N, C-alpha and C. Protein backbone atom coordinates (compact mmCIF):
# COMPACT_ATOMS: atom_id res chain seq x y z
N MET A 1 -18.22 13.37 -12.01
CA MET A 1 -17.19 13.22 -10.85
C MET A 1 -16.64 11.84 -10.43
N THR A 2 -17.50 10.83 -11.11
CA THR A 2 -17.03 9.22 -10.85
C THR A 2 -15.69 9.51 -11.60
N ASP A 3 -15.44 9.97 -12.41
CA ASP A 3 -14.36 9.41 -13.14
C ASP A 3 -12.80 10.43 -12.10
N THR A 4 -12.98 10.77 -11.34
CA THR A 4 -12.16 11.72 -10.16
C THR A 4 -12.21 10.75 -8.96
N LEU A 5 -10.73 10.49 -8.66
CA LEU A 5 -10.32 9.86 -7.66
C LEU A 5 -9.68 10.43 -6.59
N HIS A 6 -9.72 10.48 -5.05
CA HIS A 6 -8.62 10.97 -4.30
C HIS A 6 -7.81 9.95 -3.91
N VAL A 7 -6.08 10.74 -4.28
CA VAL A 7 -5.11 9.98 -3.85
C VAL A 7 -4.63 10.68 -2.93
N VAL A 8 -4.11 10.03 -1.86
CA VAL A 8 -3.22 10.63 -0.81
C VAL A 8 -1.43 10.82 -1.21
N CYS A 9 -1.06 11.98 -1.17
CA CYS A 9 0.16 12.08 -1.53
C CYS A 9 1.33 11.21 -0.40
N PRO A 10 2.26 10.53 -1.17
CA PRO A 10 3.22 9.56 -0.24
C PRO A 10 4.04 10.67 0.48
N HIS A 11 4.22 11.62 0.19
CA HIS A 11 5.42 12.66 0.67
C HIS A 11 4.86 13.50 1.66
N CYS A 12 3.74 14.49 1.36
CA CYS A 12 3.14 15.21 2.30
C CYS A 12 1.77 14.67 2.87
N HIS A 13 1.33 13.67 2.53
CA HIS A 13 -0.05 13.07 3.01
C HIS A 13 -1.41 14.21 2.68
N THR A 14 -1.21 14.65 1.69
CA THR A 14 -2.30 15.55 1.28
C THR A 14 -2.95 15.14 0.10
N THR A 15 -4.31 14.90 0.52
CA THR A 15 -5.43 14.37 -0.49
C THR A 15 -5.19 15.28 -1.69
N ASN A 16 -4.97 14.48 -3.01
CA ASN A 16 -5.33 15.17 -4.24
C ASN A 16 -6.58 14.45 -5.19
N ARG A 17 -7.15 15.09 -6.08
CA ARG A 17 -8.02 14.78 -7.02
C ARG A 17 -7.53 14.55 -8.19
N VAL A 18 -7.48 13.31 -8.70
CA VAL A 18 -6.89 12.74 -9.94
C VAL A 18 -7.85 12.24 -10.86
N ARG A 19 -7.97 12.86 -11.89
CA ARG A 19 -8.42 12.06 -13.19
C ARG A 19 -8.30 10.50 -13.00
N ALA A 20 -9.03 9.62 -13.03
CA ALA A 20 -8.88 8.06 -13.15
C ALA A 20 -7.87 7.78 -14.28
N GLY A 21 -8.59 8.47 -15.73
CA GLY A 21 -7.75 8.06 -16.82
C GLY A 21 -6.10 8.74 -16.88
N GLN A 22 -5.96 9.66 -15.79
CA GLN A 22 -4.91 10.19 -15.68
C GLN A 22 -3.62 9.70 -14.85
N LEU A 23 -4.12 8.48 -14.19
CA LEU A 23 -3.52 7.96 -13.25
C LEU A 23 -2.17 7.59 -13.36
N GLY A 24 -2.04 6.82 -14.76
CA GLY A 24 -0.67 6.57 -15.55
C GLY A 24 -0.15 7.51 -15.98
N SER A 25 -0.49 8.75 -15.86
CA SER A 25 0.28 9.78 -16.59
C SER A 25 1.38 10.83 -15.77
N ALA A 26 1.77 10.05 -14.74
CA ALA A 26 2.61 10.40 -13.55
C ALA A 26 2.10 11.73 -12.98
N PRO A 27 0.85 11.88 -12.29
CA PRO A 27 0.64 12.78 -11.91
C PRO A 27 1.42 13.16 -10.43
N THR A 28 1.50 14.59 -10.18
CA THR A 28 1.92 15.07 -8.89
C THR A 28 0.93 15.64 -8.13
N CYS A 29 1.66 16.15 -6.95
CA CYS A 29 0.54 16.40 -5.79
C CYS A 29 0.95 18.04 -5.94
N GLY A 30 -0.93 18.41 -5.69
CA GLY A 30 -0.80 19.77 -5.95
C GLY A 30 -0.24 20.67 -4.85
N GLN A 31 -0.05 20.30 -3.51
CA GLN A 31 0.61 20.90 -2.69
C GLN A 31 2.30 20.86 -2.58
N CYS A 32 2.74 19.68 -2.60
CA CYS A 32 4.40 19.53 -2.38
C CYS A 32 5.05 19.45 -3.86
N LYS A 33 4.21 19.18 -5.09
CA LYS A 33 4.56 18.91 -6.38
C LYS A 33 5.52 17.87 -6.54
N GLN A 34 5.61 16.87 -5.66
CA GLN A 34 6.22 15.81 -6.10
C GLN A 34 5.47 14.33 -6.45
N PRO A 35 5.88 13.28 -7.01
CA PRO A 35 4.96 12.32 -7.80
C PRO A 35 4.17 11.74 -6.46
N LEU A 36 2.90 11.55 -7.30
CA LEU A 36 2.00 10.87 -6.74
C LEU A 36 2.09 9.37 -6.15
N PHE A 37 3.06 8.82 -7.12
CA PHE A 37 3.18 7.21 -7.52
C PHE A 37 4.95 7.32 -7.47
N THR A 38 5.61 6.53 -6.88
CA THR A 38 7.01 6.43 -7.08
C THR A 38 7.66 5.26 -7.35
N GLY A 39 6.89 4.05 -7.60
CA GLY A 39 6.93 2.59 -7.81
C GLY A 39 7.73 2.00 -6.72
N GLN A 40 7.39 2.62 -5.49
CA GLN A 40 8.12 1.91 -4.29
C GLN A 40 7.35 1.75 -2.97
N PRO A 41 7.25 0.92 -2.51
CA PRO A 41 6.43 0.77 -1.28
C PRO A 41 6.83 1.88 -0.25
N LEU A 42 5.85 2.49 0.56
CA LEU A 42 5.84 3.66 1.42
C LEU A 42 5.58 3.08 2.59
N ALA A 43 6.61 3.45 3.46
CA ALA A 43 6.54 3.21 5.05
C ALA A 43 5.39 3.94 5.58
N LEU A 44 4.48 3.17 6.02
CA LEU A 44 3.28 3.85 6.86
C LEU A 44 3.57 3.76 8.32
N ASP A 45 4.64 3.56 8.99
CA ASP A 45 4.60 3.39 10.13
C ASP A 45 4.44 4.46 11.22
N ASP A 46 3.59 5.43 10.70
CA ASP A 46 3.19 6.31 11.54
C ASP A 46 1.30 6.29 11.68
N ALA A 47 1.03 6.01 12.57
CA ALA A 47 -0.43 5.76 12.74
C ALA A 47 -1.31 6.80 11.95
N ALA A 48 -1.25 7.85 12.14
CA ALA A 48 -1.80 9.20 11.51
C ALA A 48 -1.76 9.08 10.13
N ALA A 49 -0.58 8.92 9.42
CA ALA A 49 -0.22 8.79 7.97
C ALA A 49 -1.15 7.79 7.99
N PHE A 50 -1.12 6.27 8.18
CA PHE A 50 -1.61 5.13 7.78
C PHE A 50 -3.10 5.31 7.65
N ASP A 51 -3.55 6.08 8.82
CA ASP A 51 -5.04 6.51 8.79
C ASP A 51 -5.78 7.00 7.71
N ARG A 52 -4.84 8.08 7.29
CA ARG A 52 -5.10 9.19 6.14
C ARG A 52 -5.08 8.55 4.81
N HIS A 53 -3.90 7.51 4.63
CA HIS A 53 -4.06 7.08 3.46
C HIS A 53 -5.49 5.85 2.97
N LEU A 54 -5.71 5.40 4.35
CA LEU A 54 -6.68 4.26 4.42
C LEU A 54 -8.09 4.83 4.32
N ALA A 55 -8.32 6.04 4.77
CA ALA A 55 -9.37 6.74 5.03
C ALA A 55 -9.83 7.74 3.79
N ARG A 56 -8.43 8.43 3.41
CA ARG A 56 -9.03 9.29 2.35
C ARG A 56 -8.60 8.83 0.82
N SER A 57 -7.79 8.06 0.47
CA SER A 57 -7.68 7.58 -0.97
C SER A 57 -8.50 6.60 -1.46
N GLN A 58 -9.00 6.91 -2.75
CA GLN A 58 -9.95 5.94 -3.25
C GLN A 58 -9.35 4.66 -4.15
N ILE A 59 -8.02 4.48 -3.99
CA ILE A 59 -7.43 3.31 -4.56
C ILE A 59 -7.03 2.50 -3.45
N PRO A 60 -7.13 0.87 -4.04
CA PRO A 60 -7.06 -0.03 -2.97
C PRO A 60 -5.41 0.13 -2.37
N LEU A 61 -5.45 -0.05 -0.90
CA LEU A 61 -4.16 -0.06 -0.20
C LEU A 61 -3.73 -1.50 0.14
N LEU A 62 -2.49 -1.69 -0.33
CA LEU A 62 -1.84 -3.13 -0.27
C LEU A 62 -0.67 -2.98 0.72
N VAL A 63 -1.10 -3.70 2.21
CA VAL A 63 -0.01 -3.48 3.10
C VAL A 63 0.64 -4.51 3.34
N ASP A 64 2.27 -4.66 3.59
CA ASP A 64 3.29 -5.52 4.21
C ASP A 64 3.29 -5.25 5.46
N PHE A 65 2.84 -6.20 6.46
CA PHE A 65 2.94 -6.13 7.90
C PHE A 65 4.31 -6.91 8.16
N TRP A 66 5.34 -6.17 8.58
CA TRP A 66 6.74 -7.11 8.52
C TRP A 66 7.32 -6.34 9.79
N ALA A 67 8.69 -7.02 9.95
CA ALA A 67 9.58 -6.46 11.03
C ALA A 67 11.17 -6.74 10.74
N PRO A 68 11.51 -6.13 11.11
CA PRO A 68 13.09 -6.15 10.56
C PRO A 68 14.23 -7.28 10.84
N TRP A 69 13.45 -7.86 12.25
CA TRP A 69 14.29 -9.12 12.62
C TRP A 69 13.96 -10.37 11.86
N CYS A 70 12.61 -10.42 11.13
CA CYS A 70 12.01 -11.47 10.21
C CYS A 70 12.65 -11.72 8.93
N GLY A 71 13.29 -13.18 9.40
CA GLY A 71 14.05 -13.62 7.95
C GLY A 71 12.84 -13.92 6.66
N PRO A 72 11.98 -14.24 6.64
CA PRO A 72 11.00 -14.22 5.60
C PRO A 72 10.50 -12.93 5.27
N CYS A 73 10.51 -12.22 5.94
CA CYS A 73 10.09 -10.73 5.78
C CYS A 73 11.49 -9.89 4.77
N ARG A 74 12.38 -10.15 5.26
CA ARG A 74 13.49 -9.70 4.48
C ARG A 74 13.71 -10.57 3.36
N MET A 75 13.43 -11.62 3.24
CA MET A 75 13.57 -12.52 1.80
C MET A 75 12.36 -11.85 1.17
N MET A 76 11.28 -11.29 1.25
CA MET A 76 10.25 -11.13 0.71
C MET A 76 10.35 -9.67 0.21
N ALA A 77 11.08 -8.83 0.97
CA ALA A 77 11.27 -7.22 0.64
C ALA A 77 11.59 -6.89 -0.64
N PRO A 78 12.80 -7.64 -1.67
CA PRO A 78 13.10 -7.30 -2.93
C PRO A 78 11.91 -7.52 -3.77
N ALA A 79 11.06 -8.58 -3.37
CA ALA A 79 10.00 -9.18 -4.20
C ALA A 79 8.81 -7.92 -4.00
N TYR A 80 8.63 -7.43 -3.12
CA TYR A 80 7.41 -6.58 -2.90
C TYR A 80 8.00 -5.08 -3.28
N ALA A 81 9.10 -4.96 -3.21
CA ALA A 81 9.52 -3.26 -3.78
C ALA A 81 9.21 -3.51 -5.35
N GLN A 82 9.82 -4.51 -5.93
CA GLN A 82 9.41 -4.95 -7.44
C GLN A 82 7.94 -5.07 -7.78
N ALA A 83 7.03 -5.44 -6.89
CA ALA A 83 5.62 -5.39 -7.21
C ALA A 83 5.07 -4.32 -7.11
N ALA A 84 5.39 -3.41 -6.11
CA ALA A 84 5.06 -1.86 -6.09
C ALA A 84 5.16 -1.24 -7.39
N ALA A 85 6.25 -1.55 -8.45
CA ALA A 85 6.52 -0.86 -9.68
C ALA A 85 5.15 -1.33 -10.51
N LEU A 86 4.80 -2.55 -10.47
CA LEU A 86 3.59 -3.60 -11.01
C LEU A 86 2.36 -3.04 -10.59
N LEU A 87 2.34 -2.64 -9.67
CA LEU A 87 0.87 -2.62 -9.13
C LEU A 87 0.53 -0.96 -8.98
N GLU A 88 1.31 -0.09 -9.10
CA GLU A 88 1.08 1.63 -9.18
C GLU A 88 1.00 1.37 -10.62
N PRO A 89 -0.01 2.65 -10.90
CA PRO A 89 -0.77 3.40 -9.89
C PRO A 89 -2.36 3.09 -9.35
N GLN A 90 -2.59 1.52 -10.09
CA GLN A 90 -3.84 0.96 -9.56
C GLN A 90 -3.96 0.81 -7.77
N PHE A 91 -3.01 0.60 -7.56
CA PHE A 91 -2.84 0.38 -5.90
C PHE A 91 -1.90 1.38 -5.25
N ARG A 92 -2.23 1.52 -3.95
CA ARG A 92 -1.08 2.08 -3.41
C ARG A 92 -0.22 1.17 -2.45
N VAL A 93 1.10 1.10 -2.58
CA VAL A 93 1.69 -0.13 -1.75
C VAL A 93 2.58 0.34 -0.86
N ALA A 94 2.02 -0.22 0.27
CA ALA A 94 2.73 0.17 1.86
C ALA A 94 3.26 -0.86 2.47
N LYS A 95 3.93 -0.28 3.33
CA LYS A 95 4.87 -1.36 4.43
C LYS A 95 4.68 -0.66 5.69
N VAL A 96 4.03 -1.72 6.80
CA VAL A 96 4.24 -1.32 8.05
C VAL A 96 5.00 -2.10 9.12
N ASP A 97 6.05 -1.38 9.52
CA ASP A 97 7.33 -1.99 10.58
C ASP A 97 6.44 -2.23 11.89
N THR A 98 6.02 -3.78 12.06
CA THR A 98 5.54 -3.89 13.63
C THR A 98 6.17 -3.51 14.45
N GLU A 99 7.45 -3.36 14.74
CA GLU A 99 8.36 -3.26 15.53
C GLU A 99 8.08 -1.54 15.77
N ALA A 100 7.95 -0.89 14.97
CA ALA A 100 7.81 0.67 14.77
C ALA A 100 6.33 1.05 15.09
N ALA A 101 5.83 0.43 14.52
CA ALA A 101 4.27 0.66 15.02
C ALA A 101 3.25 -0.36 15.48
N PRO A 102 3.57 -0.86 16.81
CA PRO A 102 3.07 -2.37 17.25
C PRO A 102 1.58 -1.93 17.31
N ALA A 103 1.13 -0.68 17.57
CA ALA A 103 -0.48 -0.30 17.54
C ALA A 103 -1.30 -0.85 16.28
N LEU A 104 -0.87 -0.53 15.36
CA LEU A 104 -1.22 -0.80 13.98
C LEU A 104 -1.32 -2.32 13.85
N GLY A 105 -0.26 -3.22 14.03
CA GLY A 105 -0.11 -4.49 14.02
C GLY A 105 -1.29 -5.05 15.03
N THR A 106 -1.70 -4.63 16.04
CA THR A 106 -2.44 -5.04 17.17
C THR A 106 -4.03 -4.82 16.74
N ARG A 107 -4.11 -3.36 16.05
CA ARG A 107 -5.32 -3.09 15.39
C ARG A 107 -5.74 -3.99 14.47
N TYR A 108 -5.04 -4.44 13.74
CA TYR A 108 -5.47 -5.35 12.71
C TYR A 108 -5.34 -6.90 13.12
N ASN A 109 -4.89 -7.13 14.27
CA ASN A 109 -4.78 -8.60 14.69
C ASN A 109 -3.78 -9.56 13.86
N ILE A 110 -2.60 -8.53 13.85
CA ILE A 110 -1.41 -9.43 12.77
C ILE A 110 -0.78 -10.25 13.92
N ARG A 111 -0.79 -11.82 13.64
CA ARG A 111 -0.31 -12.72 14.49
C ARG A 111 0.84 -13.38 13.86
N SER A 112 1.17 -13.31 12.26
CA SER A 112 2.13 -13.79 11.98
C SER A 112 2.91 -12.60 10.99
N ILE A 113 4.09 -12.76 10.65
CA ILE A 113 4.55 -11.65 9.65
C ILE A 113 5.75 -12.35 8.78
N PRO A 114 5.56 -12.22 7.46
CA PRO A 114 4.89 -11.11 6.95
C PRO A 114 3.61 -11.43 6.66
N THR A 115 2.57 -10.37 6.76
CA THR A 115 1.51 -10.54 6.21
C THR A 115 1.09 -9.56 5.35
N LEU A 116 0.22 -9.99 4.07
CA LEU A 116 -0.16 -8.93 3.27
C LEU A 116 -1.69 -8.73 3.61
N ALA A 117 -2.27 -7.31 3.68
CA ALA A 117 -3.47 -7.07 4.02
C ALA A 117 -3.64 -6.04 2.66
N LEU A 118 -5.12 -6.06 2.31
CA LEU A 118 -5.50 -5.55 1.07
C LEU A 118 -6.81 -4.71 1.54
N PHE A 119 -6.62 -3.30 1.39
CA PHE A 119 -7.85 -2.38 1.92
C PHE A 119 -8.43 -1.93 0.87
N VAL A 120 -9.52 -1.78 0.76
CA VAL A 120 -10.50 -1.16 -0.19
C VAL A 120 -11.42 -0.22 0.36
N HIS A 121 -11.80 1.20 0.06
CA HIS A 121 -12.50 2.12 0.85
C HIS A 121 -12.37 1.72 2.30
N GLY A 122 -11.20 1.96 2.79
CA GLY A 122 -11.17 1.95 4.41
C GLY A 122 -11.24 0.79 5.00
N ARG A 123 -11.60 -0.53 4.51
CA ARG A 123 -11.63 -1.48 5.11
C ARG A 123 -10.97 -3.00 4.42
N GLU A 124 -10.50 -4.01 5.30
CA GLU A 124 -9.79 -4.70 4.91
C GLU A 124 -10.76 -5.83 4.02
N VAL A 125 -10.39 -6.34 2.96
CA VAL A 125 -11.00 -7.18 2.21
C VAL A 125 -10.08 -8.76 1.85
N ALA A 126 -9.03 -8.70 2.26
CA ALA A 126 -8.27 -9.92 1.92
C ALA A 126 -6.93 -9.56 2.77
N ARG A 127 -6.58 -11.28 3.37
CA ARG A 127 -5.12 -11.05 3.74
C ARG A 127 -4.32 -12.19 3.57
N GLN A 128 -3.26 -12.00 3.53
CA GLN A 128 -2.11 -13.39 2.79
C GLN A 128 -1.26 -13.45 3.88
N PRO A 129 -1.05 -14.46 4.90
CA PRO A 129 -0.04 -14.64 5.78
C PRO A 129 0.92 -15.47 5.10
N GLY A 130 2.48 -15.12 5.41
CA GLY A 130 3.71 -15.75 4.94
C GLY A 130 4.05 -14.93 3.68
N ALA A 131 5.16 -15.41 3.44
CA ALA A 131 6.16 -14.58 2.01
C ALA A 131 5.82 -15.23 0.66
N LEU A 132 5.29 -14.29 0.04
CA LEU A 132 5.40 -14.62 -1.43
C LEU A 132 6.72 -13.92 -1.98
N THR A 133 7.16 -14.65 -2.81
CA THR A 133 8.65 -14.60 -3.28
C THR A 133 8.84 -14.07 -4.75
N SER A 134 7.84 -13.96 -5.55
CA SER A 134 8.01 -13.19 -6.40
C SER A 134 7.13 -12.17 -7.03
N PRO A 135 7.70 -10.71 -7.58
CA PRO A 135 6.76 -9.59 -7.81
C PRO A 135 5.55 -9.98 -8.29
N ALA A 136 5.72 -11.02 -9.50
CA ALA A 136 4.36 -11.57 -10.25
C ALA A 136 3.36 -12.12 -9.26
N GLN A 137 4.02 -12.91 -8.52
CA GLN A 137 3.07 -13.61 -7.47
C GLN A 137 2.39 -12.70 -6.65
N ILE A 138 2.85 -11.56 -6.28
CA ILE A 138 2.40 -10.32 -5.28
C ILE A 138 1.56 -9.75 -5.83
N ALA A 139 1.63 -9.42 -7.22
CA ALA A 139 0.67 -8.71 -7.81
C ALA A 139 -0.41 -9.44 -8.34
N GLN A 140 -0.28 -10.64 -8.72
CA GLN A 140 -1.43 -11.43 -9.39
C GLN A 140 -2.33 -11.72 -7.87
N TRP A 141 -1.55 -12.05 -6.64
CA TRP A 141 -2.64 -12.09 -5.70
C TRP A 141 -3.44 -10.81 -5.18
N ALA A 142 -2.83 -9.73 -5.55
CA ALA A 142 -3.45 -8.35 -5.01
C ALA A 142 -4.77 -8.26 -5.72
N ARG A 143 -4.27 -8.26 -7.36
CA ARG A 143 -5.31 -8.21 -8.55
C ARG A 143 -6.46 -8.92 -8.32
N ALA A 144 -6.29 -10.48 -8.03
CA ALA A 144 -7.11 -11.16 -8.09
C ALA A 144 -8.26 -11.07 -6.69
N GLN A 145 -7.69 -10.31 -5.75
CA GLN A 145 -8.72 -9.99 -4.74
C GLN A 145 -9.67 -9.15 -5.07
N LEU A 146 -9.75 -8.11 -5.85
CA LEU A 146 -10.11 -7.00 -6.58
C LEU A 146 -11.41 -7.82 -7.34
N ALA A 147 -10.93 -8.84 -8.17
CA ALA A 147 -11.60 -9.52 -9.11
C ALA A 147 -12.72 -10.15 -8.35
N ARG A 148 -12.60 -10.49 -7.30
CA ARG A 148 -13.78 -11.41 -6.30
C ARG A 148 -15.18 -10.71 -6.11
């Protein structure tokens, strides 16, 4: 059973069981039949959807806390989108707009944006305030946090 992981669908937020060895084989959701990984950051501005991904998924959740008015956030956005393609399916890559979901920013004590936060098994394990400007830099930071 240890080779099976729970992965929450980015489309319908249903929890799926996926064999670890099949993560890279473009698994689809058993409920909505959409891909479980899109290679793009998932907008998690709804607290219920955020909580579902945080609590139910067994892959690390990398979150960019950002706001539309933030220049460094807009500067980092293309690199973050490209990093999603590098990191999935070993990570779920998400974005939280702190203007649309201020309660999530408050819950996680986000004081500056952009801030990257890495969650493993529902708890925050690392945080990086400030913009990282290359996809490789973002991917390297995320992977290094798991190696610690």
